[in-house]
Amino acid sequence: MNTSAVARLLNVSHSTIQRWVSQLNMEVERNQLGHYQFSEEDIALLRKIQNQLNEGIILQKVSISESKIRKATVQKHTEMTKEHEQLLERIVRLENGLKTKADDVVSYQLLQHRSEMEEMHKLVKKLEARIEALETPTIPPFDYFIAAEEAAVTKKTKKRPFMKTIFGIGRKDDSTSWSTADSD
């Protein structure tokens, strides 16, 4: 019988059956899939356990027959054969090879990162120089006050009539024409 069938028979859950088997170290057969296969003797033992628990005895103090208690088996250490030693040596060599390979890869990556960082540093320096060149003024600032003073200092010339400018009437070097033009 499987665990679920025994659990229905005893009116408990299948996890309760599994807990009893594991905590009481019961020796129960297993199928190919690793599931418990209970015999009639196992079911009778589980009924005795259930009765003791119903009487108020705690699970750790439940007594079961010695024949159904699992006993731990210790495997004897067998001497290593020549093949085992060769396999072990090969494993050690492979592990050492992996360690050195990993170290080489990390070293290469560090060198790559370092060169990339140096290139970035050079680029940052160029950008800083370019920004500084753009921020420094190359044309002196225009001083509005000086321009206003220069405009005030310049002498305004008197406008002369167009006709007098063309025909030369009223020139300063010609005193006669100057006077004649004024008298007319």
Protein backbone atom coordinates (compact mmCIF):
# COMPACT_ATOMS: atom_id res chain seq x y z
CA MET A 1 0.00 0.00 0.00
CA ASN A 2 1.18 3.52 -0.66
CA THR A 3 1.23 6.42 1.81
CA SER A 4 -2.12 7.91 0.77
CA ALA A 5 -3.95 4.57 1.10
CA VAL A 6 -2.50 3.95 4.58
CA ALA A 7 -3.39 7.52 5.58
CA ARG A 8 -7.03 6.97 4.51
CA LEU A 9 -7.09 3.62 6.35
CA LEU A 10 -5.85 5.21 9.61
CA ASN A 11 -7.86 8.42 9.05
CA VAL A 12 -4.81 10.73 9.17
CA SER A 13 -3.05 12.81 6.54
CA HIS A 14 -0.31 11.39 4.35
CA SER A 15 2.19 13.92 5.81
CA THR A 16 1.40 12.49 9.29
CA ILE A 17 2.37 9.02 8.06
CA GLN A 18 5.57 10.38 6.55
CA ARG A 19 6.38 12.22 9.79
CA TRP A 20 5.87 9.05 11.90
CA VAL A 21 8.13 7.04 9.60
CA SER A 22 10.91 9.62 9.59
CA GLN A 23 10.82 10.59 13.28
CA LEU A 24 10.60 7.01 14.53
CA ASN A 25 13.26 5.82 12.07
CA MET A 26 11.04 3.08 10.73
CA GLU A 27 12.43 0.77 8.08
CA VAL A 28 9.87 0.87 5.26
CA GLU A 29 10.29 -0.42 1.71
CA ARG A 30 10.36 2.07 -1.18
CA ASN A 31 9.37 1.64 -4.83
CA GLN A 32 11.41 2.71 -7.89
CA LEU A 33 10.22 6.29 -7.56
CA GLY A 34 11.24 6.46 -3.89
CA HIS A 35 7.69 6.34 -2.47
CA TYR A 36 6.93 4.30 0.63
CA GLN A 37 5.39 0.84 0.12
CA PHE A 38 3.77 -0.33 3.37
CA SER A 39 3.32 -4.03 4.16
CA GLU A 40 0.62 -5.46 6.48
CA GLU A 41 3.24 -5.59 9.25
CA ASP A 42 4.05 -1.89 8.70
CA ILE A 43 0.36 -0.98 8.85
CA ALA A 44 -0.05 -2.91 12.13
CA LEU A 45 2.94 -1.04 13.59
CA LEU A 46 1.46 2.29 12.48
CA ARG A 47 -1.83 1.35 14.24
CA LYS A 48 0.12 0.69 17.47
CA ILE A 49 1.80 4.09 17.11
CA GLN A 50 -1.57 5.75 16.54
CA ASN A 51 -3.03 4.04 19.64
CA GLN A 52 -0.10 5.19 21.80
CA LEU A 53 -0.51 8.76 20.52
CA ASN A 54 -4.26 8.62 21.25
CA GLU A 55 -3.42 7.58 24.83
CA GLY A 56 -1.44 10.82 25.26
CA ILE A 57 2.11 9.60 24.75
CA ILE A 58 4.19 12.07 22.78
CA LEU A 59 5.75 10.95 19.51
CA GLN A 60 9.32 11.02 20.86
CA LYS A 61 8.37 8.53 23.62
CA VAL A 62 6.41 6.10 21.43
CA SER A 63 7.91 2.59 21.58
CA ILE A 64 8.05 0.35 18.54
CA SER A 65 9.56 -3.07 18.00
CA GLU A 66 13.30 -3.12 17.41
CA SER A 67 13.06 -5.03 14.13
CA LYS A 68 11.44 -2.15 12.25
CA ILE A 69 13.81 0.61 13.36
CA ARG A 70 16.15 1.81 10.68
CA LYS A 71 19.76 1.48 11.54
CA ALA A 72 22.34 3.72 9.99
CA THR A 73 24.81 1.90 7.87
CA VAL A 74 28.35 3.12 7.61
CA GLN A 75 30.12 2.31 4.43
CA LYS A 76 33.66 1.16 4.85
CA HIS A 77 36.26 3.34 3.25
CA THR A 78 37.61 1.48 0.29
CA GLU A 79 41.12 2.01 -0.84
CA MET A 80 41.55 4.22 -3.82
CA THR A 81 42.33 2.42 -6.94
CA LYS A 82 44.81 3.67 -9.47
CA GLU A 83 41.95 4.95 -11.65
CA HIS A 84 40.52 6.96 -8.76
CA GLU A 85 43.90 8.52 -8.08
CA GLN A 86 44.31 9.46 -11.73
CA LEU A 87 40.84 11.00 -11.79
CA LEU A 88 41.58 12.94 -8.62
CA GLU A 89 44.85 14.25 -10.07
CA ARG A 90 43.08 15.25 -13.26
CA ILE A 91 40.39 17.09 -11.29
CA VAL A 92 43.05 18.97 -9.33
CA ARG A 93 44.85 19.94 -12.56
CA LEU A 94 41.59 21.13 -14.11
CA GLU A 95 40.72 23.19 -11.03
CA ASN A 96 44.16 24.81 -11.04
CA GLY A 97 43.84 25.49 -14.77
CA LEU A 98 40.47 27.14 -14.20
CA LYS A 99 41.89 29.31 -11.44
CA THR A 100 44.77 30.53 -13.62
CA LYS A 101 42.44 31.07 -16.56
CA ALA A 102 40.09 33.11 -14.38
CA ASP A 103 43.04 35.15 -13.08
CA ASP A 104 44.21 35.81 -16.64
CA VAL A 105 40.75 36.90 -17.75
CA VAL A 106 40.38 39.25 -14.79
CA SER A 107 43.83 40.74 -15.41
CA TYR A 108 43.01 41.33 -19.07
CA GLN A 109 39.70 42.96 -18.18
CA LEU A 110 41.42 45.22 -15.66
CA LEU A 111 43.94 46.35 -18.27
CA GLN A 112 41.15 47.03 -20.75
CA HIS A 113 39.22 49.09 -18.19
CA ARG A 114 42.34 51.01 -17.28
CA SER A 115 43.07 51.96 -20.90
CA GLU A 116 39.43 52.99 -21.39
CA MET A 117 39.61 55.13 -18.27
CA GLU A 118 42.82 56.81 -19.50
CA GLU A 119 41.16 57.60 -22.85
CA MET A 120 38.16 59.04 -21.02
CA HIS A 121 40.48 61.13 -18.83
CA LYS A 122 42.20 62.58 -21.94
CA LEU A 123 38.82 63.37 -23.47
CA VAL A 124 37.68 65.11 -20.29
CA LYS A 125 40.86 67.23 -20.29
CA LYS A 126 40.23 68.25 -23.92
CA LEU A 127 36.63 69.14 -23.12
CA GLU A 128 37.69 71.20 -20.11
CA ALA A 129 40.18 73.13 -22.26
CA ARG A 130 37.53 73.72 -24.92
CA ILE A 131 34.99 74.93 -22.36
CA GLU A 132 37.55 77.27 -20.83
CA ALA A 133 38.41 78.66 -24.27
CA LEU A 134 34.73 79.26 -24.99
CA GLU A 135 34.12 80.95 -21.66
CA THR A 136 37.00 83.46 -21.92
CA PRO A 137 35.91 86.57 -23.83
CA THR A 138 38.00 87.38 -26.95
CA ILE A 139 36.31 90.71 -27.79
CA PRO A 140 36.64 93.40 -25.14
CA PRO A 141 33.30 94.47 -23.76
CA PHE A 142 31.77 97.56 -25.32
CA ASP A 143 31.79 100.50 -22.95
CA TYR A 144 28.63 102.51 -23.54
CA PHE A 145 29.78 105.41 -21.38
CA ILE A 146 32.94 105.99 -23.41
CA ALA A 147 30.96 105.85 -26.65
CA ALA A 148 28.49 108.42 -25.32
CA GLU A 149 31.30 110.80 -24.28
CA GLU A 150 32.94 110.54 -27.70
CA ALA A 151 29.65 111.33 -29.38
CA ALA A 152 29.21 114.41 -27.19
CA VAL A 153 32.72 115.68 -27.91
CA THR A 154 32.40 115.53 -31.68
CA LYS A 155 31.56 118.96 -33.07
CA LYS A 156 28.41 119.26 -35.03
CA THR A 157 28.98 121.02 -38.26
CA LYS A 158 26.58 123.59 -39.49
CA LYS A 159 24.57 122.48 -42.44
CA ARG A 160 24.86 124.66 -45.43
CA PRO A 161 22.29 125.02 -48.10
CA PHE A 162 22.70 122.68 -51.04
CA MET A 163 23.03 125.35 -53.68
CA LYS A 164 25.71 127.23 -51.82
CA THR A 165 27.71 124.04 -51.41
CA ILE A 166 27.59 123.25 -55.13
CA PHE A 167 28.33 126.69 -56.56
CA GLY A 168 30.86 127.68 -53.94
CA ILE A 169 29.02 130.66 -52.69
CA GLY A 170 30.05 131.69 -49.22
CA ARG A 171 33.46 130.02 -48.95
CA LYS A 172 35.69 131.22 -46.21
CA ASP A 173 38.71 131.68 -48.44
CA ASP A 174 36.76 133.92 -50.86
CA SER A 175 35.87 136.95 -48.78
CA THR A 176 34.21 138.91 -51.59
CA SER A 177 31.82 136.21 -52.50
CA TRP A 178 31.09 135.75 -48.90
CA SER A 179 30.10 139.27 -48.42
CA THR A 180 28.20 139.54 -51.68
CA ALA A 181 26.23 136.48 -50.91
CA ASP A 182 25.30 137.89 -47.56
CA SER A 183 24.28 141.24 -48.94
CA ASP A 184 21.86 139.88 -51.50
